[in-house]
Every structure is written in structure tokens, then in C-alpha cells.
Amino acid sequence: MDEPPIQTELRFALEPLILFKPTRPARRHSIARRRSYGPEHIPARIPQDWYDRHFQHLDLTGITPRVLRRAISVRLYQEATGQPASKAPDFFRQHSRHLAAGAVTALNRWQRNTKNPELFDEALAGLVAELETAEHLINYQRRRDRMHTWQFTDSDWEEIARSLPPPLPHLEDYLEWEQPAASTYVWCLLTEGERNFAPWVLEGGKIVHIHHVMRNLRYARTHRRHRPLLDILTTLATRMANSVDADDFRTFKSGRLPTFALGGGR
């Protein structure tokens, strides 16, 4: 029997708000979404503190935390938009789909093989509930938009480099990669993105060249030059984030780092 017109209209109104996602192969369930948060609040890889609060207790045999964090972001994107996972890389400004697609495949395989797959669903629901009730959410889409071409200019970098001690002799070869590595480090801090999609890499830079410097910065296995550089970049990232979040950041037009981010006046 045909649906009454009012029932058809109601169904079409509700369909965009429901995401059917696979859990165990034998069953599916629907998640009704509220609108308190949106896809703009989702980074391309969930922040470490989100992971620590909701997913750290899971048995990750067969999947790494890095891959799981990517896959969770895709799941959140699906939950917030009702779109398929294949749409997520474009939304996250990722030029390559293989990281997101591989993460989702790894997550699905892990859920099939783990003893308690429902624990992941419960953890994901807990994160969604946190986002729904949060008083303040970061607009990561704005950060991605504002930062998608940002890098330190040569003059910005010269100003920073003048404040650093000289490198040790055996580390001088890394000097030419410090500027793109520093740009990539700040970009990653602001967007929670992965270095593979940073502007310098997208413009043709070889990511292998900055891995060593990035590793020193991220894990603080630093020599006398990288310790103060890490402090400078962290301070800059905080000030820039505040500016972007206030919608008062214009490097996407000028390509310049605001002088106030370096401690100068506006």
C-alpha cells in the first residue's frame, strides 16, 4: 500500500538525520543525529585528548592508535553529515584518499576480529555525547580553510632563526629543512591534520626531508637549537589559533604571518 503523502514527507525529512552504519555483520542499527555539533568541528584525525578520554581502554590488537584516530574522524564525519566515508577526504582537504580509506578498512577489519566490537560503538557514542554537550567547540573547518596555503615566509623565518642558537656541526645539514618543518609543525598543531597534507608537501616538498626535524620537535628529543624553537612554535601556534578562531586571521589572502604572532603589535 502506498504511503500517505504526510508519511512520505516525514520520511524524506528524517532520512538526512539518520545514518545506518554496519556494526556486526549480522545486524545494523541507526544513529539519530542531533545538530549541536557539525562536521566543521571534526578534525581529519581526532585530537589525542579525545582519544585518551574515550578509546584508550580498547584492545587495539590489529590496529594502531594513529590509524584508529583517522578512522574515528571519518566515522564522526559520517555521523554528522549522513554522507559516505568516500566523501570525507575532500571535506578534510586531503589530496589523497588512501589514508582515510585505509583507516576505515582497518577499523572494519579490527571490529570483525576483536572480541568486544560493541566497546568501540559505546566509546564512539560517548565521544558524540561529549561533543553534543560541549559549551565550546573548535571550528576545524575554519582552521583548515585559513591555513590551507599558510607557511612561514622567508622574512618570518629569518626573524625566528636569529633568536635561535647555532646548530651543532653534525646537524648543519638539517638547517635547510627547518623552515618547512616548522611550518608543517604549526600547521599540524592548528588543524590536527597530518604532515602528509601540509601546504609545503602539497606544493611538491619531499616529506622525507622534514621527518627528522619533525620527530625532534614532536618528541622533544632536541638539541640546544630545537628546544627553544619548539617553545617559539608552540607559542606562535597558540596565538594563531586564537586569531583563527576569532575569525581575525588573514594569511589565506596575504601569505604573511601576523606580526602580533611574533610578539609585535597589531
Protein backbone atom coordinates (compact mmCIF):
# COMPACT_ATOMS: atom_id res chain seq x y z
CA MET A 1 0.00 0.00 0.00
CA ASP A 2 1.26 3.44 -0.87
CA GLU A 3 2.34 5.74 1.94
CA PRO A 4 0.07 8.66 2.77
CA PRO A 5 1.57 11.94 1.49
CA ILE A 6 2.24 13.17 5.02
CA GLN A 7 4.14 9.95 5.83
CA THR A 8 6.26 10.30 2.68
CA GLU A 9 7.15 13.88 3.56
CA LEU A 10 8.06 12.86 7.09
CA ARG A 11 10.30 10.05 5.84
CA PHE A 12 12.17 12.36 3.46
CA ALA A 13 12.59 14.89 6.27
CA LEU A 14 14.06 12.32 8.63
CA GLU A 15 16.31 10.41 6.24
CA PRO A 16 19.11 13.00 6.22
CA LEU A 17 19.18 12.80 10.02
CA ILE A 18 19.73 9.04 10.18
CA LEU A 19 22.93 7.22 9.43
CA PHE A 20 22.83 3.46 9.06
CA LYS A 21 26.24 2.06 9.76
CA PRO A 22 27.48 -1.54 9.95
CA THR A 23 28.50 -2.91 13.30
CA ARG A 24 28.47 -6.70 13.41
CA PRO A 25 27.87 -8.34 10.01
CA ALA A 26 24.54 -9.78 11.17
CA ARG A 27 22.97 -6.54 12.30
CA ARG A 28 22.76 -2.80 11.69
CA HIS A 29 21.44 -0.03 13.81
CA SER A 30 20.61 3.58 13.25
CA ILE A 31 22.02 6.59 14.98
CA ALA A 32 19.70 9.59 15.15
CA ARG A 33 21.78 12.74 14.99
CA ARG A 34 21.18 15.99 16.72
CA ARG A 35 22.55 19.23 15.36
CA SER A 36 24.52 20.54 18.35
CA TYR A 37 27.79 19.94 16.52
CA GLY A 38 28.56 19.70 12.86
CA PRO A 39 31.23 18.39 10.52
CA GLU A 40 33.10 21.67 10.84
CA HIS A 41 34.00 20.65 14.39
CA ILE A 42 35.74 17.45 13.27
CA PRO A 43 39.49 17.39 12.52
CA ALA A 44 40.96 14.98 10.00
CA ARG A 45 42.35 12.96 12.89
CA ILE A 46 40.80 13.23 16.33
CA PRO A 47 42.95 15.02 18.93
CA GLN A 48 44.98 12.97 21.35
CA ASP A 49 42.89 14.08 24.34
CA TRP A 50 39.66 12.87 22.67
CA TYR A 51 41.33 9.52 22.11
CA ASP A 52 42.66 9.33 25.67
CA ARG A 53 39.26 10.03 27.22
CA HIS A 54 37.20 7.62 25.14
CA PHE A 55 39.28 5.00 23.32
CA GLN A 56 42.49 4.36 25.24
CA HIS A 57 40.96 1.41 27.11
CA LEU A 58 40.26 -0.58 23.93
CA ASP A 59 42.26 -3.64 22.95
CA LEU A 60 43.93 -2.39 19.77
CA THR A 61 45.46 -5.66 18.68
CA GLY A 62 45.43 -5.39 14.89
CA ILE A 63 45.17 -1.60 14.60
CA THR A 64 47.38 1.31 15.70
CA PRO A 65 46.15 4.36 17.62
CA ARG A 66 47.16 6.63 14.72
CA VAL A 67 45.05 4.67 12.24
CA LEU A 68 42.15 4.42 14.69
CA ARG A 69 42.17 8.20 15.22
CA ARG A 70 41.90 8.71 11.45
CA ALA A 71 39.04 6.24 11.18
CA ILE A 72 37.15 7.82 14.09
CA SER A 73 37.24 11.19 12.34
CA VAL A 74 35.71 9.59 9.25
CA ARG A 75 33.01 7.97 11.40
CA LEU A 76 32.25 11.30 13.05
CA TYR A 77 32.02 12.94 9.64
CA GLN A 78 29.53 10.27 8.54
CA GLU A 79 27.54 10.66 11.73
CA ALA A 80 27.38 14.43 11.36
CA THR A 81 26.56 14.55 7.65
CA GLY A 82 24.96 11.26 6.63
CA GLN A 83 27.49 11.13 3.77
CA PRO A 84 29.54 8.06 2.80
CA ALA A 85 33.10 7.71 4.02
CA SER A 86 34.37 8.34 0.49
CA LYS A 87 33.35 12.00 0.82
CA ALA A 88 35.45 12.61 3.92
CA PRO A 89 38.88 13.20 2.28
CA ASP A 90 37.57 16.06 0.16
CA PHE A 91 35.92 17.63 3.18
CA PHE A 92 39.16 17.32 5.17
CA ARG A 93 41.15 18.86 2.27
CA GLN A 94 43.15 15.68 1.75
CA HIS A 95 44.58 15.38 -1.77
CA SER A 96 44.91 11.62 -1.39
CA ARG A 97 42.19 9.24 -0.26
CA HIS A 98 44.35 6.31 0.70
CA LEU A 99 44.97 7.29 4.35
CA ALA A 100 41.28 7.75 5.19
CA ALA A 101 40.16 4.77 3.11
CA GLY A 102 42.86 2.56 4.59
CA ALA A 103 41.92 3.64 8.12
CA VAL A 104 38.25 2.79 7.59
CA THR A 105 39.18 -0.60 6.12
CA ALA A 106 41.48 -1.28 9.08
CA LEU A 107 38.75 -0.27 11.54
CA ASN A 108 36.18 -2.54 9.92
CA ARG A 109 38.63 -5.45 9.91
CA TRP A 110 39.55 -4.82 13.54
CA GLN A 111 35.89 -4.72 14.59
CA ARG A 112 35.26 -8.04 12.86
CA ASN A 113 38.18 -9.67 14.67
CA THR A 114 38.05 -8.09 18.12
CA LYS A 115 36.23 -9.92 20.91
CA ASN A 116 34.08 -6.99 22.00
CA PRO A 117 33.28 -4.79 18.99
CA GLU A 118 30.44 -3.14 20.88
CA LEU A 119 33.01 -1.43 23.12
CA PHE A 120 34.09 0.73 20.21
CA ASP A 121 30.49 1.71 19.45
CA GLU A 122 30.00 2.64 23.10
CA ALA A 123 33.19 4.70 23.10
CA LEU A 124 32.18 6.47 19.90
CA ALA A 125 28.74 7.22 21.36
CA GLY A 126 30.47 8.65 24.42
CA LEU A 127 32.54 11.00 22.27
CA VAL A 128 29.46 12.07 20.31
CA ALA A 129 27.65 12.78 23.59
CA GLU A 130 30.60 14.90 24.74
CA LEU A 131 30.54 16.91 21.52
CA GLU A 132 26.78 17.35 21.76
CA THR A 133 27.01 18.88 25.23
CA ALA A 134 30.26 20.84 24.84
CA GLU A 135 29.95 24.56 25.51
CA HIS A 136 32.79 25.40 23.14
CA LEU A 137 33.89 23.51 20.03
CA ILE A 138 36.78 24.36 17.74
CA ASN A 139 35.79 25.07 14.16
CA TYR A 140 38.41 22.91 12.44
CA GLN A 141 36.93 23.63 9.04
CA ARG A 142 37.71 27.32 9.51
CA ARG A 143 41.24 26.41 10.56
CA ARG A 144 41.67 24.20 7.50
CA ASP A 145 40.34 26.96 5.25
CA ARG A 146 42.52 29.70 6.73
CA MET A 147 45.67 27.58 6.88
CA HIS A 148 45.43 25.63 3.64
CA THR A 149 48.21 27.66 1.94
CA TRP A 150 49.98 29.00 5.01
CA GLN A 151 53.73 28.71 5.51
CA PHE A 152 56.39 30.80 7.18
CA THR A 153 57.71 33.36 4.75
CA ASP A 154 61.47 33.78 4.43
CA SER A 155 61.40 37.04 6.40
CA ASP A 156 59.29 35.47 9.16
CA TRP A 157 61.70 32.57 9.39
CA GLU A 158 64.75 34.81 9.44
CA GLU A 159 63.30 36.65 12.41
CA ILE A 160 62.76 33.37 14.24
CA ALA A 161 66.13 31.90 13.26
CA ARG A 162 68.01 34.95 14.58
CA SER A 163 66.72 34.13 18.07
CA LEU A 164 67.99 30.53 17.97
CA PRO A 165 71.44 29.27 18.98
CA PRO A 166 73.60 27.94 16.15
CA PRO A 167 73.27 24.26 15.30
CA LEU A 168 75.81 21.68 16.32
CA PRO A 169 78.27 20.96 13.46
CA HIS A 170 76.94 17.47 12.71
CA LEU A 171 73.36 18.82 12.42
CA GLU A 172 74.00 21.64 9.97
CA ASP A 173 72.63 19.55 7.10
CA TYR A 174 69.16 19.83 8.62
CA LEU A 175 69.10 23.64 8.55
CA GLU A 176 67.55 23.83 5.08
CA TRP A 177 64.62 21.70 6.26
CA GLU A 178 63.93 23.61 9.46
CA GLN A 179 61.72 26.25 7.85
CA PRO A 180 59.32 23.83 6.09
CA ALA A 181 59.39 21.55 9.13
CA ALA A 182 58.49 24.45 11.42
CA SER A 183 55.66 25.49 9.08
CA THR A 184 54.40 21.92 9.00
CA TYR A 185 54.60 21.61 12.78
CA VAL A 186 52.49 24.74 13.34
CA TRP A 187 50.01 23.68 10.64
CA CYS A 188 49.60 20.28 12.29
CA LEU A 189 49.06 21.83 15.72
CA LEU A 190 46.32 24.14 14.46
CA THR A 191 44.44 21.80 12.17
CA GLU A 192 45.11 18.43 13.86
CA GLY A 193 45.99 17.36 10.33
CA GLU A 194 48.77 15.02 9.25
CA ARG A 195 52.01 16.27 7.83
CA ASN A 196 51.38 14.45 4.53
CA PHE A 197 48.74 17.09 3.72
CA ALA A 198 50.59 20.19 4.89
CA PRO A 199 50.91 23.04 2.35
CA TRP A 200 54.66 22.62 1.85
CA VAL A 201 54.20 18.93 1.00
CA LEU A 202 51.28 19.68 -1.32
CA GLU A 203 53.49 22.11 -3.22
CA GLY A 204 55.92 19.32 -4.01
CA GLY A 205 58.16 19.22 -0.95
CA LYS A 206 59.61 15.85 -0.04
CA ILE A 207 58.17 14.83 3.29
CA VAL A 208 61.10 12.54 3.97
CA HIS A 209 63.26 15.66 4.26
CA ILE A 210 61.36 17.00 7.25
CA HIS A 211 60.66 13.78 9.14
CA HIS A 212 63.82 14.03 11.22
CA VAL A 213 63.26 17.65 12.26
CA MET A 214 59.56 16.99 12.94
CA ARG A 215 60.44 13.98 15.06
CA ASN A 216 62.81 16.08 17.15
CA LEU A 217 60.20 18.78 17.62
CA ARG A 218 57.28 16.48 18.38
CA TYR A 219 59.03 14.24 20.87
CA ALA A 220 61.42 16.86 22.28
CA ARG A 221 64.49 14.74 21.59
CA THR A 222 66.05 18.10 20.93
CA HIS A 223 69.48 19.61 20.89
CA ARG A 224 70.21 23.15 22.03
CA ARG A 225 68.61 24.70 18.91
CA HIS A 226 65.36 22.72 18.73
CA ARG A 227 64.32 23.18 22.36
CA PRO A 228 63.88 26.97 22.05
CA LEU A 229 62.44 26.54 18.54
CA LEU A 230 59.77 24.23 19.93
CA ASP A 231 58.88 26.82 22.57
CA ILE A 232 58.60 29.57 19.94
CA LEU A 233 56.45 27.48 17.60
CA THR A 234 54.11 26.38 20.38
CA THR A 235 53.59 29.99 21.46
CA LEU A 236 53.01 31.06 17.86
CA ALA A 237 50.54 28.25 17.28
CA THR A 238 48.51 29.24 20.35
CA ARG A 239 48.31 32.89 19.27
CA MET A 240 47.49 31.98 15.70
CA ALA A 241 44.79 29.55 16.82
CA ASN A 242 43.17 32.26 18.91
CA SER A 243 43.24 34.57 15.91
CA VAL A 244 41.78 31.99 13.52
CA ASP A 245 39.07 31.00 15.97
CA ALA A 246 38.11 34.66 16.36
CA ASP A 247 37.93 34.87 12.54
CA ASP A 248 40.62 37.53 12.63
CA PHE A 249 43.34 35.77 10.64
CA ARG A 250 44.05 36.64 7.02
CA THR A 251 47.11 34.65 5.99
CA PHE A 252 44.97 32.85 3.43
CA LYS A 253 45.00 36.12 1.47
CA SER A 254 48.40 37.58 2.14
CA GLY A 255 50.51 34.53 2.97
CA ARG A 256 52.02 36.52 5.83
CA LEU A 257 52.24 35.64 9.49
CA PRO A 258 50.64 38.45 11.51
CA THR A 259 53.28 40.48 13.32
CA PHE A 260 51.43 40.15 16.62
CA ALA A 261 52.00 36.37 16.46
CA LEU A 262 55.73 37.05 16.74
CA GLY A 263 55.18 39.32 19.73
CA GLY A 264 54.89 42.61 17.86
CA GLY A 265 51.95 45.00 17.88
CA ARG A 266 48.99 44.66 15.60
